[in-house]
């Protein structure tokens, strides 16, 4: 590498991008909402919807992690 220190590589700058952390935060909030709905009420339809919400949140978090790994 030329004159870049180890902490200033393009992959590290991309991994420290604020938008990735916002995406992880949104995914975690969605997962928490899905988990709360799973245990808050006892309804089959709400349970199915909460599982779907939980998987959407996990997908959002995974998307952010793979965005970091791709760089």
N, C-alpha and C. Protein backbone atom coordinates (compact mmCIF):
# COMPACT_ATOMS: atom_id res chain seq x y z
N UNK A 1 0.83 -1.16 0.00
CA UNK A 1 0.00 0.00 0.00
C UNK A 1 0.87 1.23 0.00
N UNK A 2 0.35 2.24 -0.59
CA UNK A 2 1.16 3.45 -0.68
C UNK A 2 1.26 4.12 0.69
N UNK A 3 0.84 5.31 0.84
CA UNK A 3 1.04 6.05 2.07
C UNK A 3 -0.14 5.93 3.04
N UNK A 4 -0.97 4.94 2.88
CA UNK A 4 -2.11 4.77 3.77
C UNK A 4 -1.71 3.93 4.97
N UNK A 5 -2.09 4.39 6.14
CA UNK A 5 -1.84 3.56 7.31
C UNK A 5 -2.85 2.42 7.33
N UNK A 6 -2.69 1.52 8.26
CA UNK A 6 -3.56 0.34 8.29
C UNK A 6 -5.01 0.70 8.60
N UNK A 7 -5.25 1.77 9.33
CA UNK A 7 -6.60 2.16 9.70
C UNK A 7 -7.29 3.02 8.64
N UNK A 8 -6.58 3.39 7.58
CA UNK A 8 -7.15 4.27 6.58
C UNK A 8 -7.35 3.56 5.24
N UNK A 9 -7.38 2.26 5.24
CA UNK A 9 -7.60 1.55 3.98
C UNK A 9 -9.05 1.76 3.54
N UNK A 10 -9.32 1.65 2.25
CA UNK A 10 -10.69 1.86 1.77
C UNK A 10 -11.70 0.90 2.39
N UNK A 11 -11.30 -0.34 2.65
CA UNK A 11 -12.25 -1.28 3.25
C UNK A 11 -12.60 -0.88 4.68
N UNK A 12 -11.64 -0.35 5.43
CA UNK A 12 -11.91 0.10 6.80
C UNK A 12 -12.79 1.35 6.78
N UNK A 13 -12.58 2.24 5.82
CA UNK A 13 -13.41 3.43 5.72
C UNK A 13 -14.84 3.04 5.38
N UNK A 14 -15.01 2.05 4.50
CA UNK A 14 -16.35 1.59 4.16
C UNK A 14 -17.00 0.89 5.34
N UNK A 15 -16.24 0.12 6.10
CA UNK A 15 -16.79 -0.58 7.26
C UNK A 15 -17.21 0.40 8.35
N UNK A 16 -16.57 1.54 8.42
CA UNK A 16 -16.92 2.55 9.41
C UNK A 16 -17.96 3.55 8.91
N UNK A 17 -18.56 3.25 7.78
CA UNK A 17 -19.57 4.13 7.20
C UNK A 17 -20.79 4.19 8.12
N UNK A 18 -21.28 5.38 8.37
CA UNK A 18 -22.39 5.57 9.31
C UNK A 18 -23.68 4.91 8.82
N UNK A 19 -23.88 4.85 7.52
CA UNK A 19 -25.12 4.27 7.00
C UNK A 19 -25.23 2.78 7.30
N UNK A 20 -24.10 2.09 7.39
CA UNK A 20 -24.13 0.66 7.72
C UNK A 20 -24.60 0.47 9.15
N UNK A 21 -24.13 1.31 10.06
CA UNK A 21 -24.54 1.19 11.45
C UNK A 21 -26.00 1.59 11.64
N UNK A 22 -26.48 2.53 10.86
CA UNK A 22 -27.91 2.86 10.90
C UNK A 22 -28.75 1.69 10.44
N UNK A 23 -28.29 1.00 9.39
CA UNK A 23 -29.00 -0.17 8.88
C UNK A 23 -29.03 -1.29 9.92
N UNK A 24 -27.92 -1.50 10.60
CA UNK A 24 -27.88 -2.51 11.67
C UNK A 24 -28.82 -2.10 12.80
N UNK A 25 -28.85 -0.83 13.14
CA UNK A 25 -29.74 -0.35 14.20
C UNK A 25 -31.20 -0.55 13.86
N UNK A 26 -31.57 -0.27 12.62
CA UNK A 26 -32.95 -0.49 12.17
C UNK A 26 -33.29 -1.97 12.23
N UNK A 27 -32.36 -2.81 11.79
CA UNK A 27 -32.60 -4.25 11.84
C UNK A 27 -32.77 -4.77 13.25
N UNK A 28 -31.99 -4.26 14.17
CA UNK A 28 -32.10 -4.69 15.57
C UNK A 28 -33.44 -4.25 16.15
N UNK A 29 -33.86 -3.03 15.86
CA UNK A 29 -35.16 -2.55 16.36
C UNK A 29 -36.29 -3.40 15.80
N UNK A 30 -36.24 -3.74 14.53
CA UNK A 30 -37.27 -4.58 13.93
C UNK A 30 -37.27 -5.96 14.58
N UNK A 31 -36.10 -6.51 14.86
CA UNK A 31 -36.01 -7.81 15.53
C UNK A 31 -36.58 -7.75 16.94
N UNK A 32 -36.33 -6.68 17.65
CA UNK A 32 -36.86 -6.53 19.01
C UNK A 32 -38.38 -6.44 18.97
N UNK A 33 -38.92 -5.70 18.02
CA UNK A 33 -40.37 -5.61 17.88
C UNK A 33 -40.97 -6.98 17.57
N UNK A 34 -40.33 -7.71 16.66
CA UNK A 34 -40.82 -9.05 16.33
C UNK A 34 -40.74 -9.99 17.52
N UNK A 35 -39.69 -9.90 18.30
CA UNK A 35 -39.56 -10.74 19.49
C UNK A 35 -40.60 -10.38 20.54
N UNK A 36 -40.84 -9.08 20.72
CA UNK A 36 -41.85 -8.66 21.69
C UNK A 36 -43.23 -9.17 21.29
N UNK A 37 -43.57 -9.05 20.03
CA UNK A 37 -44.88 -9.50 19.58
C UNK A 37 -45.04 -11.02 19.72
N UNK A 38 -43.94 -11.74 19.60
CA UNK A 38 -44.01 -13.20 19.75
C UNK A 38 -44.46 -13.59 21.14
N UNK A 39 -43.99 -12.87 22.15
CA UNK A 39 -44.26 -13.26 23.52
C UNK A 39 -45.33 -12.41 24.20
N UNK A 40 -45.75 -11.33 23.59
CA UNK A 40 -46.70 -10.43 24.24
C UNK A 40 -48.13 -10.94 24.18
N UNK A 41 -48.52 -11.50 23.09
CA UNK A 41 -49.91 -11.91 22.93
C UNK A 41 -49.96 -13.37 22.49
N UNK A 42 -51.09 -14.00 22.76
CA UNK A 42 -51.24 -15.41 22.42
C UNK A 42 -52.27 -15.56 21.31
N UNK A 43 -51.81 -15.34 20.09
CA UNK A 43 -52.66 -15.47 18.92
C UNK A 43 -51.84 -16.11 17.82
N UNK A 44 -52.43 -17.07 17.12
CA UNK A 44 -51.70 -17.77 16.08
C UNK A 44 -51.30 -16.81 14.95
N UNK A 45 -52.21 -15.94 14.55
CA UNK A 45 -51.93 -15.04 13.44
C UNK A 45 -50.89 -13.98 13.82
N UNK A 46 -50.97 -13.49 15.03
CA UNK A 46 -49.98 -12.53 15.48
C UNK A 46 -48.62 -13.19 15.65
N UNK A 47 -48.62 -14.45 16.05
CA UNK A 47 -47.37 -15.19 16.17
C UNK A 47 -46.71 -15.37 14.80
N UNK A 48 -47.50 -15.70 13.79
CA UNK A 48 -46.97 -15.85 12.44
C UNK A 48 -46.43 -14.52 11.92
N UNK A 49 -47.17 -13.44 12.17
CA UNK A 49 -46.72 -12.11 11.73
C UNK A 49 -45.45 -11.71 12.46
N UNK A 50 -45.36 -12.04 13.75
CA UNK A 50 -44.16 -11.67 14.50
C UNK A 50 -42.94 -12.45 14.02
N UNK A 51 -43.13 -13.72 13.64
CA UNK A 51 -42.01 -14.48 13.05
C UNK A 51 -41.56 -13.84 11.75
N UNK A 52 -42.51 -13.39 10.94
CA UNK A 52 -42.15 -12.73 9.68
C UNK A 52 -41.39 -11.43 9.95
N UNK A 53 -41.85 -10.65 10.94
CA UNK A 53 -41.16 -9.41 11.29
C UNK A 53 -39.75 -9.71 11.80
N UNK A 54 -39.62 -10.76 12.58
CA UNK A 54 -38.31 -11.15 13.11
C UNK A 54 -37.35 -11.53 11.98
N UNK A 55 -37.84 -12.27 11.00
CA UNK A 55 -36.99 -12.65 9.88
C UNK A 55 -36.63 -11.46 9.00
N UNK A 56 -37.54 -10.51 8.86
CA UNK A 56 -37.23 -9.30 8.10
C UNK A 56 -36.11 -8.52 8.80
N UNK A 57 -36.19 -8.41 10.12
CA UNK A 57 -35.14 -7.74 10.87
C UNK A 57 -33.80 -8.45 10.75
N UNK A 58 -33.83 -9.78 10.80
CA UNK A 58 -32.59 -10.55 10.65
C UNK A 58 -32.02 -10.37 9.24
N UNK A 59 -32.88 -10.29 8.25
CA UNK A 59 -32.42 -10.06 6.88
C UNK A 59 -31.77 -8.69 6.74
N UNK A 60 -32.36 -7.68 7.37
CA UNK A 60 -31.79 -6.33 7.31
C UNK A 60 -30.41 -6.31 7.95
N UNK A 61 -30.27 -6.95 9.11
CA UNK A 61 -28.97 -7.01 9.78
C UNK A 61 -27.95 -7.77 8.94
N UNK A 62 -28.38 -8.88 8.35
CA UNK A 62 -27.47 -9.67 7.52
C UNK A 62 -27.02 -8.88 6.30
N UNK A 63 -27.92 -8.10 5.74
CA UNK A 63 -27.57 -7.27 4.59
C UNK A 63 -26.48 -6.28 4.96
N UNK A 64 -26.58 -5.69 6.14
CA UNK A 64 -25.57 -4.73 6.58
C UNK A 64 -24.23 -5.42 6.82
N UNK A 65 -24.27 -6.60 7.42
CA UNK A 65 -23.03 -7.31 7.69
C UNK A 65 -22.34 -7.72 6.38
N UNK A 66 -23.12 -8.19 5.43
CA UNK A 66 -22.52 -8.58 4.15
C UNK A 66 -22.01 -7.37 3.38
N UNK A 67 -22.61 -6.21 3.61
CA UNK A 67 -22.12 -4.99 2.98
C UNK A 67 -20.73 -4.65 3.53
N UNK A 68 -20.52 -4.90 4.83
CA UNK A 68 -19.21 -4.69 5.42
C UNK A 68 -18.21 -5.70 4.87
N UNK A 69 -18.62 -6.96 4.80
CA UNK A 69 -17.71 -8.03 4.35
C UNK A 69 -17.36 -7.89 2.88
N UNK A 70 -18.26 -7.31 2.10
CA UNK A 70 -18.01 -7.17 0.67
C UNK A 70 -16.88 -6.20 0.38
N UNK A 71 -16.70 -5.22 1.25
CA UNK A 71 -15.69 -4.19 0.99
C UNK A 71 -14.28 -4.69 1.21
